[in-house]
Amino acid sequence: PNFSDAGSAFAYQGSAGLTFNFAENYALNIGYRYIGTSSVFAFGHM
């Protein structure tokens, strides 16, 4: 059979990177982010 399901969970994030401030009100970020969640019941896994 096919599998189709959805679920929701508490989420958290850590990030690091560099900001290029090439003007007072304009900037570019280059960064890494990690997103994780608590276990999602629908999938039995975080």
ModelCIF file with pLDDT and N, C-alpha, C, O atoms, coordinates in Angstrom:
data_MODEL
#
_entry.id   MODEL 
#
_entity.id                         1 
_entity.type                       polymer 
_entity.pdbx_number_of_molecules   1 
#
_entity_poly.entity_id                      1 
_entity_poly.type                           'polypeptide(L)' 
_entity_poly.nstd_linkage                   no 
_entity_poly.nstd_monomer                   no 
_entity_poly.pdbx_seq_one_letter_code       PNFSDAGSAFAYQGSAGLTFNFAENYALNIGYRYIGTSSVFAFGHM 
_entity_poly.pdbx_seq_one_letter_code_can   PNFSDAGSAFAYQGSAGLTFNFAENYALNIGYRYIGTSSVFAFGHM 
_entity_poly.pdbx_strand_id                 A 
#
loop_
_entity_poly_seq.entity_id 
_entity_poly_seq.num 
_entity_poly_seq.mon_id 
_entity_poly_seq.hetero 
1 1  PRO n 
1 2  ASN n 
1 3  PHE n 
1 4  SER n 
1 5  ASP n 
1 6  ALA n 
1 7  GLY n 
1 8  SER n 
1 9  ALA n 
1 10 PHE n 
1 11 ALA n 
1 12 TYR n 
1 13 GLN n 
1 14 GLY n 
1 15 SER n 
1 16 ALA n 
1 17 GLY n 
1 18 LEU n 
1 19 THR n 
1 20 PHE n 
1 21 ASN n 
1 22 PHE n 
1 23 ALA n 
1 24 GLU n 
1 25 ASN n 
1 26 TYR n 
1 27 ALA n 
1 28 LEU n 
1 29 ASN n 
1 30 ILE n 
1 31 GLY n 
1 32 TYR n 
1 33 ARG n 
1 34 TYR n 
1 35 ILE n 
1 36 GLY n 
1 37 THR n 
1 38 SER n 
1 39 SER n 
1 40 VAL n 
1 41 PHE n 
1 42 ALA n 
1 43 PHE n 
1 44 GLY n 
1 45 HIS n 
1 46 MET n 
#
_struct_asym.id          A 
_struct_asym.entity_id   1 
#
loop_
_ma_qa_metric.id 
_ma_qa_metric.mode 
_ma_qa_metric.name 
_ma_qa_metric.software_group_id 
_ma_qa_metric.type 
1 global pLDDT . pLDDT 
2 local  pLDDT . pLDDT 
#
_ma_qa_metric_global.metric_id      1 
_ma_qa_metric_global.metric_value   93.02 
_ma_qa_metric_global.model_id       1 
_ma_qa_metric_global.ordinal_id     1 
#
loop_
_ma_qa_metric_local.label_asym_id 
_ma_qa_metric_local.label_comp_id 
_ma_qa_metric_local.label_seq_id 
_ma_qa_metric_local.metric_id 
_ma_qa_metric_local.metric_value 
_ma_qa_metric_local.model_id 
_ma_qa_metric_local.ordinal_id 
A PRO 1  2 74.00 1 1  
A ASN 2  2 82.00 1 2  
A PHE 3  2 86.00 1 3  
A SER 4  2 87.00 1 4  
A ASP 5  2 91.00 1 5  
A ALA 6  2 94.00 1 6  
A GLY 7  2 94.00 1 7  
A SER 8  2 95.00 1 8  
A ALA 9  2 96.00 1 9  
A PHE 10 2 97.00 1 10 
A ALA 11 2 98.00 1 11 
A TYR 12 2 98.00 1 12 
A GLN 13 2 98.00 1 13 
A GLY 14 2 98.00 1 14 
A SER 15 2 98.00 1 15 
A ALA 16 2 98.00 1 16 
A GLY 17 2 97.00 1 17 
A LEU 18 2 96.00 1 18 
A THR 19 2 95.00 1 19 
A PHE 20 2 94.00 1 20 
A ASN 21 2 89.00 1 21 
A PHE 22 2 85.00 1 22 
A ALA 23 2 85.00 1 23 
A GLU 24 2 82.00 1 24 
A ASN 25 2 87.00 1 25 
A TYR 26 2 91.00 1 26 
A ALA 27 2 94.00 1 27 
A LEU 28 2 95.00 1 28 
A ASN 29 2 95.00 1 29 
A ILE 30 2 97.00 1 30 
A GLY 31 2 97.00 1 31 
A TYR 32 2 98.00 1 32 
A ARG 33 2 98.00 1 33 
A TYR 34 2 98.00 1 34 
A ILE 35 2 97.00 1 35 
A GLY 36 2 97.00 1 36 
A THR 37 2 96.00 1 37 
A SER 38 2 95.00 1 38 
A SER 39 2 93.00 1 39 
A VAL 40 2 93.00 1 40 
A PHE 41 2 91.00 1 41 
A ALA 42 2 89.00 1 42 
A PHE 43 2 92.00 1 43 
A GLY 44 2 91.00 1 44 
A HIS 45 2 93.00 1 45 
A MET 46 2 95.00 1 46 
#
loop_
_atom_site.group_PDB 
_atom_site.id 
_atom_site.type_symbol 
_atom_site.label_atom_id 
_atom_site.label_alt_id 
_atom_site.label_comp_id 
_atom_site.label_asym_id 
_atom_site.label_entity_id 
_atom_site.label_seq_id 
_atom_site.pdbx_PDB_ins_code 
_atom_site.Cartn_x 
_atom_site.Cartn_y 
_atom_site.Cartn_z 
_atom_site.occupancy 
_atom_site.B_iso_or_equiv 
_atom_site.pdbx_formal_charge 
_atom_site.auth_seq_id 
_atom_site.auth_comp_id 
_atom_site.auth_asym_id 
_atom_site.auth_atom_id 
_atom_site.pdbx_PDB_model_num 
ATOM 1   N N  . PRO A 1 1  ? 0.822  -1.216 0.000  1.00 74.00 ? 1  PRO A N  1 
ATOM 2   C CA . PRO A 1 1  ? 0.000  0.000  0.000  1.00 74.00 ? 1  PRO A CA 1 
ATOM 3   C C  . PRO A 1 1  ? 0.854  1.263  0.000  1.00 74.00 ? 1  PRO A C  1 
ATOM 4   O O  . PRO A 1 1  ? 2.024  1.232  0.382  1.00 74.00 ? 1  PRO A O  1 
ATOM 5   N N  . ASN A 1 2  ? 0.261  2.369  -0.429 1.00 82.00 ? 2  ASN A N  1 
ATOM 6   C CA . ASN A 1 2  ? 0.933  3.661  -0.350 1.00 82.00 ? 2  ASN A CA 1 
ATOM 7   C C  . ASN A 1 2  ? 0.940  4.152  1.094  1.00 82.00 ? 2  ASN A C  1 
ATOM 8   O O  . ASN A 1 2  ? 0.146  3.707  1.922  1.00 82.00 ? 2  ASN A O  1 
ATOM 9   N N  . PHE A 1 3  ? 1.846  5.074  1.374  1.00 86.00 ? 3  PHE A N  1 
ATOM 10  C CA . PHE A 1 3  ? 1.932  5.680  2.698  1.00 86.00 ? 3  PHE A CA 1 
ATOM 11  C C  . PHE A 1 3  ? 1.757  7.184  2.559  1.00 86.00 ? 3  PHE A C  1 
ATOM 12  O O  . PHE A 1 3  ? 2.393  7.814  1.713  1.00 86.00 ? 3  PHE A O  1 
ATOM 13  N N  . SER A 1 4  ? 0.897  7.757  3.388  1.00 87.00 ? 4  SER A N  1 
ATOM 14  C CA . SER A 1 4  ? 0.701  9.202  3.390  1.00 87.00 ? 4  SER A CA 1 
ATOM 15  C C  . SER A 1 4  ? 0.223  9.616  4.779  1.00 87.00 ? 4  SER A C  1 
ATOM 16  O O  . SER A 1 4  ? -0.775 9.109  5.290  1.00 87.00 ? 4  SER A O  1 
ATOM 17  N N  . ASP A 1 5  ? 0.978  10.569 5.387  1.00 91.00 ? 5  ASP A N  1 
ATOM 18  C CA . ASP A 1 5  ? 0.591  11.010 6.721  1.00 91.00 ? 5  ASP A CA 1 
ATOM 19  C C  . ASP A 1 5  ? 1.258  12.351 7.009  1.00 91.00 ? 5  ASP A C  1 
ATOM 20  O O  . ASP A 1 5  ? 2.168  12.775 6.296  1.00 91.00 ? 5  ASP A O  1 
ATOM 21  N N  . ALA A 1 6  ? 0.795  13.002 8.056  1.00 94.00 ? 6  ALA A N  1 
ATOM 22  C CA . ALA A 1 6  ? 1.344  14.292 8.472  1.00 94.00 ? 6  ALA A CA 1 
ATOM 23  C C  . ALA A 1 6  ? 1.307  14.382 9.982  1.00 94.00 ? 6  ALA A C  1 
ATOM 24  O O  . ALA A 1 6  ? 0.499  13.720 10.633 1.00 94.00 ? 6  ALA A O  1 
ATOM 25  N N  . GLY A 1 7  ? 2.176  15.195 10.532 1.00 94.00 ? 7  GLY A N  1 
ATOM 26  C CA . GLY A 1 7  ? 2.212  15.386 11.970 1.00 94.00 ? 7  GLY A CA 1 
ATOM 27  C C  . GLY A 1 7  ? 2.902  16.690 12.323 1.00 94.00 ? 7  GLY A C  1 
ATOM 28  O O  . GLY A 1 7  ? 3.474  17.353 11.457 1.00 94.00 ? 7  GLY A O  1 
ATOM 29  N N  . SER A 1 8  ? 2.848  17.053 13.581 1.00 95.00 ? 8  SER A N  1 
ATOM 30  C CA . SER A 1 8  ? 3.477  18.287 14.046 1.00 95.00 ? 8  SER A CA 1 
ATOM 31  C C  . SER A 1 8  ? 4.256  17.992 15.314 1.00 95.00 ? 8  SER A C  1 
ATOM 32  O O  . SER A 1 8  ? 4.003  17.002 16.000 1.00 95.00 ? 8  SER A O  1 
ATOM 33  N N  . ALA A 1 9  ? 5.226  18.883 15.622 1.00 96.00 ? 9  ALA A N  1 
ATOM 34  C CA . ALA A 1 9  ? 6.081  18.646 16.782 1.00 96.00 ? 9  ALA A CA 1 
ATOM 35  C C  . ALA A 1 9  ? 6.777  19.934 17.190 1.00 96.00 ? 9  ALA A C  1 
ATOM 36  O O  . ALA A 1 9  ? 6.907  20.868 16.399 1.00 96.00 ? 9  ALA A O  1 
ATOM 37  N N  . PHE A 1 10 ? 7.225  19.964 18.445 1.00 97.00 ? 10 PHE A N  1 
ATOM 38  C CA . PHE A 1 10 ? 8.068  21.037 18.942 1.00 97.00 ? 10 PHE A CA 1 
ATOM 39  C C  . PHE A 1 10 ? 9.363  21.065 18.141 1.00 97.00 ? 10 PHE A C  1 
ATOM 40  O O  . PHE A 1 10 ? 9.925  20.011 17.845 1.00 97.00 ? 10 PHE A O  1 
ATOM 41  N N  . ALA A 1 11 ? 9.849  22.264 17.783 1.00 98.00 ? 11 ALA A N  1 
ATOM 42  C CA . ALA A 1 11 ? 11.045 22.394 16.959 1.00 98.00 ? 11 ALA A CA 1 
ATOM 43  C C  . ALA A 1 11 ? 12.057 23.328 17.607 1.00 98.00 ? 11 ALA A C  1 
ATOM 44  O O  . ALA A 1 11 ? 11.699 24.223 18.373 1.00 98.00 ? 11 ALA A O  1 
ATOM 45  N N  . TYR A 1 12 ? 13.319 23.103 17.287 1.00 98.00 ? 12 TYR A N  1 
ATOM 46  C CA . TYR A 1 12 ? 14.403 23.954 17.773 1.00 98.00 ? 12 TYR A CA 1 
ATOM 47  C C  . TYR A 1 12 ? 15.435 24.141 16.660 1.00 98.00 ? 12 TYR A C  1 
ATOM 48  O O  . TYR A 1 12 ? 15.485 23.364 15.707 1.00 98.00 ? 12 TYR A O  1 
ATOM 49  N N  . GLN A 1 13 ? 16.250 25.178 16.797 1.00 98.00 ? 13 GLN A N  1 
ATOM 50  C CA . GLN A 1 13 ? 17.173 25.515 15.722 1.00 98.00 ? 13 GLN A CA 1 
ATOM 51  C C  . GLN A 1 13 ? 18.460 26.124 16.283 1.00 98.00 ? 13 GLN A C  1 
ATOM 52  O O  . GLN A 1 13 ? 18.435 26.866 17.266 1.00 98.00 ? 13 GLN A O  1 
ATOM 53  N N  . GLY A 1 14 ? 19.573 25.799 15.644 1.00 98.00 ? 14 GLY A N  1 
ATOM 54  C CA . GLY A 1 14 ? 20.848 26.448 15.910 1.00 98.00 ? 14 GLY A CA 1 
ATOM 55  C C  . GLY A 1 14 ? 21.411 26.947 14.596 1.00 98.00 ? 14 GLY A C  1 
ATOM 56  O O  . GLY A 1 14 ? 21.262 26.286 13.568 1.00 98.00 ? 14 GLY A O  1 
ATOM 57  N N  . SER A 1 15 ? 22.053 28.101 14.615 1.00 98.00 ? 15 SER A N  1 
ATOM 58  C CA . SER A 1 15 ? 22.566 28.666 13.362 1.00 98.00 ? 15 SER A CA 1 
ATOM 59  C C  . SER A 1 15 ? 23.870 29.409 13.599 1.00 98.00 ? 15 SER A C  1 
ATOM 60  O O  . SER A 1 15 ? 24.161 29.857 14.708 1.00 98.00 ? 15 SER A O  1 
ATOM 61  N N  . ALA A 1 16 ? 24.652 29.528 12.523 1.00 98.00 ? 16 ALA A N  1 
ATOM 62  C CA . ALA A 1 16 ? 25.904 30.271 12.549 1.00 98.00 ? 16 ALA A CA 1 
ATOM 63  C C  . ALA A 1 16 ? 26.200 30.753 11.141 1.00 98.00 ? 16 ALA A C  1 
ATOM 64  O O  . ALA A 1 16 ? 25.820 30.108 10.163 1.00 98.00 ? 16 ALA A O  1 
ATOM 65  N N  . GLY A 1 17 ? 26.881 31.892 11.038 1.00 97.00 ? 17 GLY A N  1 
ATOM 66  C CA . GLY A 1 17 ? 27.197 32.379 9.707  1.00 97.00 ? 17 GLY A CA 1 
ATOM 67  C C  . GLY A 1 17 ? 27.893 33.720 9.727  1.00 97.00 ? 17 GLY A C  1 
ATOM 68  O O  . GLY A 1 17 ? 28.414 34.163 10.750 1.00 97.00 ? 17 GLY A O  1 
ATOM 69  N N  . LEU A 1 18 ? 27.889 34.360 8.559  1.00 96.00 ? 18 LEU A N  1 
ATOM 70  C CA . LEU A 1 18 ? 28.521 35.660 8.372  1.00 96.00 ? 18 LEU A CA 1 
ATOM 71  C C  . LEU A 1 18 ? 27.521 36.629 7.761  1.00 96.00 ? 18 LEU A C  1 
ATOM 72  O O  . LEU A 1 18 ? 26.756 36.264 6.867  1.00 96.00 ? 18 LEU A O  1 
ATOM 73  N N  . THR A 1 19 ? 27.531 37.860 8.245  1.00 95.00 ? 19 THR A N  1 
ATOM 74  C CA . THR A 1 19 ? 26.717 38.923 7.678  1.00 95.00 ? 19 THR A CA 1 
ATOM 75  C C  . THR A 1 19 ? 27.624 39.904 6.934  1.00 95.00 ? 19 THR A C  1 
ATOM 76  O O  . THR A 1 19 ? 28.621 40.376 7.480  1.00 95.00 ? 19 THR A O  1 
ATOM 77  N N  . PHE A 1 20 ? 27.266 40.204 5.680  1.00 94.00 ? 20 PHE A N  1 
ATOM 78  C CA . PHE A 1 20 ? 27.996 41.174 4.863  1.00 94.00 ? 20 PHE A CA 1 
ATOM 79  C C  . PHE A 1 20 ? 27.181 42.471 4.838  1.00 94.00 ? 20 PHE A C  1 
ATOM 80  O O  . PHE A 1 20 ? 26.179 42.562 4.129  1.00 94.00 ? 20 PHE A O  1 
ATOM 81  N N  . ASN A 1 21 ? 27.610 43.468 5.609  1.00 89.00 ? 21 ASN A N  1 
ATOM 82  C CA . ASN A 1 21 ? 26.901 44.743 5.706  1.00 89.00 ? 21 ASN A CA 1 
ATOM 83  C C  . ASN A 1 21 ? 27.427 45.702 4.631  1.00 89.00 ? 21 ASN A C  1 
ATOM 84  O O  . ASN A 1 21 ? 28.265 46.560 4.911  1.00 89.00 ? 21 ASN A O  1 
ATOM 85  N N  . PHE A 1 22 ? 26.930 45.550 3.410  1.00 85.00 ? 22 PHE A N  1 
ATOM 86  C CA . PHE A 1 22 ? 27.461 46.367 2.327  1.00 85.00 ? 22 PHE A CA 1 
ATOM 87  C C  . PHE A 1 22 ? 26.762 47.719 2.221  1.00 85.00 ? 22 PHE A C  1 
ATOM 88  O O  . PHE A 1 22 ? 27.148 48.536 1.385  1.00 85.00 ? 22 PHE A O  1 
ATOM 89  N N  . ALA A 1 23 ? 25.753 47.977 3.037  1.00 85.00 ? 23 ALA A N  1 
ATOM 90  C CA . ALA A 1 23 ? 25.110 49.289 3.151  1.00 85.00 ? 23 ALA A CA 1 
ATOM 91  C C  . ALA A 1 23 ? 24.445 49.357 4.516  1.00 85.00 ? 23 ALA A C  1 
ATOM 92  O O  . ALA A 1 23 ? 24.232 48.330 5.160  1.00 85.00 ? 23 ALA A O  1 
ATOM 93  N N  . GLU A 1 24 ? 24.113 50.575 4.962  1.00 82.00 ? 24 GLU A N  1 
ATOM 94  C CA . GLU A 1 24 ? 23.494 50.720 6.273  1.00 82.00 ? 24 GLU A CA 1 
ATOM 95  C C  . GLU A 1 24 ? 22.220 49.887 6.400  1.00 82.00 ? 24 GLU A C  1 
ATOM 96  O O  . GLU A 1 24 ? 21.987 49.249 7.427  1.00 82.00 ? 24 GLU A O  1 
ATOM 97  N N  . ASN A 1 25 ? 21.405 49.897 5.356  1.00 87.00 ? 25 ASN A N  1 
ATOM 98  C CA . ASN A 1 25 ? 20.118 49.213 5.477  1.00 87.00 ? 25 ASN A CA 1 
ATOM 99  C C  . ASN A 1 25 ? 19.981 47.998 4.566  1.00 87.00 ? 25 ASN A C  1 
ATOM 100 O O  . ASN A 1 25 ? 18.880 47.469 4.408  1.00 87.00 ? 25 ASN A O  1 
ATOM 101 N N  . TYR A 1 26 ? 21.088 47.545 3.961  1.00 91.00 ? 26 TYR A N  1 
ATOM 102 C CA . TYR A 1 26 ? 21.075 46.320 3.166  1.00 91.00 ? 26 TYR A CA 1 
ATOM 103 C C  . TYR A 1 26 ? 22.206 45.410 3.629  1.00 91.00 ? 26 TYR A C  1 
ATOM 104 O O  . TYR A 1 26 ? 23.297 45.875 3.958  1.00 91.00 ? 26 TYR A O  1 
ATOM 105 N N  . ALA A 1 27 ? 21.931 44.106 3.651  1.00 94.00 ? 27 ALA A N  1 
ATOM 106 C CA . ALA A 1 27 ? 22.963 43.149 4.041  1.00 94.00 ? 27 ALA A CA 1 
ATOM 107 C C  . ALA A 1 27 ? 22.657 41.787 3.433  1.00 94.00 ? 27 ALA A C  1 
ATOM 108 O O  . ALA A 1 27 ? 21.529 41.515 3.022  1.00 94.00 ? 27 ALA A O  1 
ATOM 109 N N  . LEU A 1 28 ? 23.673 40.942 3.381  1.00 95.00 ? 28 LEU A N  1 
ATOM 110 C CA . LEU A 1 28 ? 23.540 39.544 2.970  1.00 95.00 ? 28 LEU A CA 1 
ATOM 111 C C  . LEU A 1 28 ? 24.076 38.654 4.076  1.00 95.00 ? 28 LEU A C  1 
ATOM 112 O O  . LEU A 1 28 ? 25.106 38.952 4.681  1.00 95.00 ? 28 LEU A O  1 
ATOM 113 N N  . ASN A 1 29 ? 23.370 37.555 4.338  1.00 95.00 ? 29 ASN A N  1 
ATOM 114 C CA . ASN A 1 29 ? 23.842 36.531 5.266  1.00 95.00 ? 29 ASN A CA 1 
ATOM 115 C C  . ASN A 1 29 ? 24.182 35.263 4.503  1.00 95.00 ? 29 ASN A C  1 
ATOM 116 O O  . ASN A 1 29 ? 23.461 34.866 3.587  1.00 95.00 ? 29 ASN A O  1 
ATOM 117 N N  . ILE A 1 30 ? 25.272 34.636 4.879  1.00 97.00 ? 30 ILE A N  1 
ATOM 118 C CA . ILE A 1 30 ? 25.590 33.278 4.444  1.00 97.00 ? 30 ILE A CA 1 
ATOM 119 C C  . ILE A 1 30 ? 25.696 32.440 5.703  1.00 97.00 ? 30 ILE A C  1 
ATOM 120 O O  . ILE A 1 30 ? 26.514 32.737 6.574  1.00 97.00 ? 30 ILE A O  1 
ATOM 121 N N  . GLY A 1 31 ? 24.881 31.392 5.815  1.00 97.00 ? 31 GLY A N  1 
ATOM 122 C CA . GLY A 1 31 ? 24.863 30.681 7.082  1.00 97.00 ? 31 GLY A CA 1 
ATOM 123 C C  . GLY A 1 31 ? 24.480 29.221 6.998  1.00 97.00 ? 31 GLY A C  1 
ATOM 124 O O  . GLY A 1 31 ? 23.971 28.734 5.988  1.00 97.00 ? 31 GLY A O  1 
ATOM 125 N N  . TYR A 1 32 ? 24.746 28.541 8.100  1.00 98.00 ? 32 TYR A N  1 
ATOM 126 C CA . TYR A 1 32 ? 24.343 27.140 8.305  1.00 98.00 ? 32 TYR A CA 1 
ATOM 127 C C  . TYR A 1 32 ? 23.286 27.107 9.403  1.00 98.00 ? 32 TYR A C  1 
ATOM 128 O O  . TYR A 1 32 ? 23.403 27.806 10.410 1.00 98.00 ? 32 TYR A O  1 
ATOM 129 N N  . ARG A 1 33 ? 22.251 26.288 9.202  1.00 98.00 ? 33 ARG A N  1 
ATOM 130 C CA . ARG A 1 33 ? 21.207 26.118 10.202 1.00 98.00 ? 33 ARG A CA 1 
ATOM 131 C C  . ARG A 1 33 ? 20.927 24.629 10.409 1.00 98.00 ? 33 ARG A C  1 
ATOM 132 O O  . ARG A 1 33 ? 20.908 23.848 9.457  1.00 98.00 ? 33 ARG A O  1 
ATOM 133 N N  . TYR A 1 34 ? 20.714 24.257 11.650 1.00 98.00 ? 34 TYR A N  1 
ATOM 134 C CA . TYR A 1 34 ? 20.255 22.907 11.981 1.00 98.00 ? 34 TYR A CA 1 
ATOM 135 C C  . TYR A 1 34 ? 18.880 23.018 12.615 1.00 98.00 ? 34 TYR A C  1 
ATOM 136 O O  . TYR A 1 34 ? 18.698 23.751 13.588 1.00 98.00 ? 34 TYR A O  1 
ATOM 137 N N  . ILE A 1 35 ? 17.911 22.292 12.067 1.00 97.00 ? 35 ILE A N  1 
ATOM 138 C CA . ILE A 1 35 ? 16.562 22.237 12.624 1.00 97.00 ? 35 ILE A CA 1 
ATOM 139 C C  . ILE A 1 35 ? 16.287 20.807 13.084 1.00 97.00 ? 35 ILE A C  1 
ATOM 140 O O  . ILE A 1 35 ? 16.537 19.853 12.347 1.00 97.00 ? 35 ILE A O  1 
ATOM 141 N N  . GLY A 1 36 ? 15.783 20.669 14.279 1.00 97.00 ? 36 GLY A N  1 
ATOM 142 C CA . GLY A 1 36 ? 15.383 19.371 14.799 1.00 97.00 ? 36 GLY A CA 1 
ATOM 143 C C  . GLY A 1 36 ? 14.041 19.471 15.497 1.00 97.00 ? 36 GLY A C  1 
ATOM 144 O O  . GLY A 1 36 ? 13.601 20.565 15.851 1.00 97.00 ? 36 GLY A O  1 
ATOM 145 N N  . THR A 1 37 ? 13.389 18.338 15.696 1.00 96.00 ? 37 THR A N  1 
ATOM 146 C CA . THR A 1 37 ? 12.098 18.308 16.381 1.00 96.00 ? 37 THR A CA 1 
ATOM 147 C C  . THR A 1 37 ? 12.083 17.188 17.415 1.00 96.00 ? 37 THR A C  1 
ATOM 148 O O  . THR A 1 37 ? 12.950 16.314 17.429 1.00 96.00 ? 37 THR A O  1 
ATOM 149 N N  . SER A 1 38 ? 11.094 17.241 18.260 1.00 95.00 ? 38 SER A N  1 
ATOM 150 C CA . SER A 1 38 ? 10.790 16.072 19.075 1.00 95.00 ? 38 SER A CA 1 
ATOM 151 C C  . SER A 1 38 ? 10.241 14.986 18.143 1.00 95.00 ? 38 SER A C  1 
ATOM 152 O O  . SER A 1 38 ? 9.982  15.250 16.969 1.00 95.00 ? 38 SER A O  1 
ATOM 153 N N  . SER A 1 39 ? 10.065 13.770 18.660 1.00 93.00 ? 39 SER A N  1 
ATOM 154 C CA . SER A 1 39 ? 9.572  12.680 17.822 1.00 93.00 ? 39 SER A CA 1 
ATOM 155 C C  . SER A 1 39 ? 8.186  13.006 17.259 1.00 93.00 ? 39 SER A C  1 
ATOM 156 O O  . SER A 1 39 ? 7.291  13.436 17.988 1.00 93.00 ? 39 SER A O  1 
ATOM 157 N N  . VAL A 1 40 ? 8.027  12.794 15.957 1.00 93.00 ? 40 VAL A N  1 
ATOM 158 C CA . VAL A 1 40 ? 6.746  13.035 15.288 1.00 93.00 ? 40 VAL A CA 1 
ATOM 159 C C  . VAL A 1 40 ? 5.948  11.733 15.323 1.00 93.00 ? 40 VAL A C  1 
ATOM 160 O O  . VAL A 1 40 ? 6.360  10.738 14.727 1.00 93.00 ? 40 VAL A O  1 
ATOM 161 N N  . PHE A 1 41 ? 4.822  11.734 16.010 1.00 91.00 ? 41 PHE A N  1 
ATOM 162 C CA . PHE A 1 41 ? 4.062  10.499 16.227 1.00 91.00 ? 41 PHE A CA 1 
ATOM 163 C C  . PHE A 1 41 ? 3.714  9.796  14.916 1.00 91.00 ? 41 PHE A C  1 
ATOM 164 O O  . PHE A 1 41 ? 3.771  8.569  14.843 1.00 91.00 ? 41 PHE A O  1 
ATOM 165 N N  . ALA A 1 42 ? 3.355  10.554 13.883 1.00 89.00 ? 42 ALA A N  1 
ATOM 166 C CA . ALA A 1 42 ? 2.924  9.953  12.617 1.00 89.00 ? 42 ALA A CA 1 
ATOM 167 C C  . ALA A 1 42 ? 4.017  9.137  11.945 1.00 89.00 ? 42 ALA A C  1 
ATOM 168 O O  . ALA A 1 42 ? 3.734  8.223  11.171 1.00 89.00 ? 42 ALA A O  1 
ATOM 169 N N  . PHE A 1 43 ? 5.305  9.480  12.254 1.00 92.00 ? 43 PHE A N  1 
ATOM 170 C CA . PHE A 1 43 ? 6.417  8.806  11.582 1.00 92.00 ? 43 PHE A CA 1 
ATOM 171 C C  . PHE A 1 43 ? 7.288  7.984  12.524 1.00 92.00 ? 43 PHE A C  1 
ATOM 172 O O  . PHE A 1 43 ? 8.193  7.278  12.078 1.00 92.00 ? 43 PHE A O  1 
ATOM 173 N N  . GLY A 1 44 ? 7.016  8.073  13.836 1.00 91.00 ? 44 GLY A N  1 
ATOM 174 C CA . GLY A 1 44 ? 7.806  7.315  14.791 1.00 91.00 ? 44 GLY A CA 1 
ATOM 175 C C  . GLY A 1 44 ? 9.257  7.735  14.849 1.00 91.00 ? 44 GLY A C  1 
ATOM 176 O O  . GLY A 1 44 ? 10.112 6.936  15.232 1.00 91.00 ? 44 GLY A O  1 
ATOM 177 N N  . HIS A 1 45 ? 9.556  8.960  14.482 1.00 93.00 ? 45 HIS A N  1 
ATOM 178 C CA . HIS A 1 45 ? 10.952 9.406  14.402 1.00 93.00 ? 45 HIS A CA 1 
ATOM 179 C C  . HIS A 1 45 ? 10.975 10.933 14.467 1.00 93.00 ? 45 HIS A C  1 
ATOM 180 O O  . HIS A 1 45 ? 10.005 11.587 14.085 1.00 93.00 ? 45 HIS A O  1 
ATOM 181 N N  . MET A 1 46 ? 12.079 11.498 14.949 1.00 95.00 ? 46 MET A N  1 
ATOM 182 C CA . MET A 1 46 ? 12.239 12.939 14.912 1.00 95.00 ? 46 MET A CA 1 
ATOM 183 C C  . MET A 1 46 ? 12.543 13.399 13.484 1.00 95.00 ? 46 MET A C  1 
ATOM 184 O O  . MET A 1 46 ? 12.713 14.594 13.243 1.00 95.00 ? 46 MET A O  1 
#
